[in-house]
Amino acid sequence: MRRTTLTAAAVAALLLAGALSGCSATIVDGDASPSAPSEAASEPSSAPSATAPSASESSATPADDDAETSELSDENAEERERLTAAATTTMPCPSGTLDQDGAIIRVEGSCADLVIAIDAGVVIADDVENLSLSGSGTIVYAETIGSLTVTGSASVVHWTGQAPTVDDRGSANTLTRG
C-alpha cells in the first residue's frame, strides 16, 4: 500500500510540475509580412493583444535596428487604430506619472518625458524624448522615442523612426520598430 501511495504522489507531482511550468513563446520579426495567423497567437479581439515575447528579445538592443521603415507594420498600425478608438482617457503630455492599471490612454502631442507605471494597460503616444516604463504587461505605441528605459516585465513597445537608446533592465520585454 505504501509503494502505491508514493508512486501516485510522485506521478501527481510530476504532472503538476509539468502543467505549471509549461509556456510558449513567439519570435517577433518586424520585417516579415503577416501570413496566416498561428493557433498560438489567437486572442479575443476585445482585449489588448501582444505577441508573447521570447527570452532573446529582452536585451538592451532593440529588434529591427537595421530596418529603414518609418511606419508601423500593417498589423501594428491596425491595432494602434483600434486601441486609439477604445481609449479610456485622451490627454496632452502629463506632468506626472501615468499609473492607471488596465487603462487605455492616448497621449497627444510631443512629450519631453513620459513616465509609465501601468500594469496590463496600453499607452498610445506621439513623439517622446524620454520614455520610462516600469509597469508589467503594458503595451506602448509611439511615433518616435529618443531614449527608452524599461524596468518592468512582459511589456511590448513599438515605435517608428530611428531606434531609441534602450536600457532594458526588465525581463521578457519586446521592443521593436514597426
Foldseek 3Di string as FASTA:
>chain_A
DVVVVVVVVVVVVVVVVVVVPDDDADDDAQPDADDDDDPVQDDDPVAQGDGQFDQVQLDQDAPPQVDPFQDHHPVVVVSLVVLVVVFPEEEEQDPDEAEDEAGRYEHEDEEAEYEYAYERYEYEYEHYAEYEYEYANYEYEYSYYAEYEYAEARYEYEYGDHDHRGHRNHGRYHYHYD
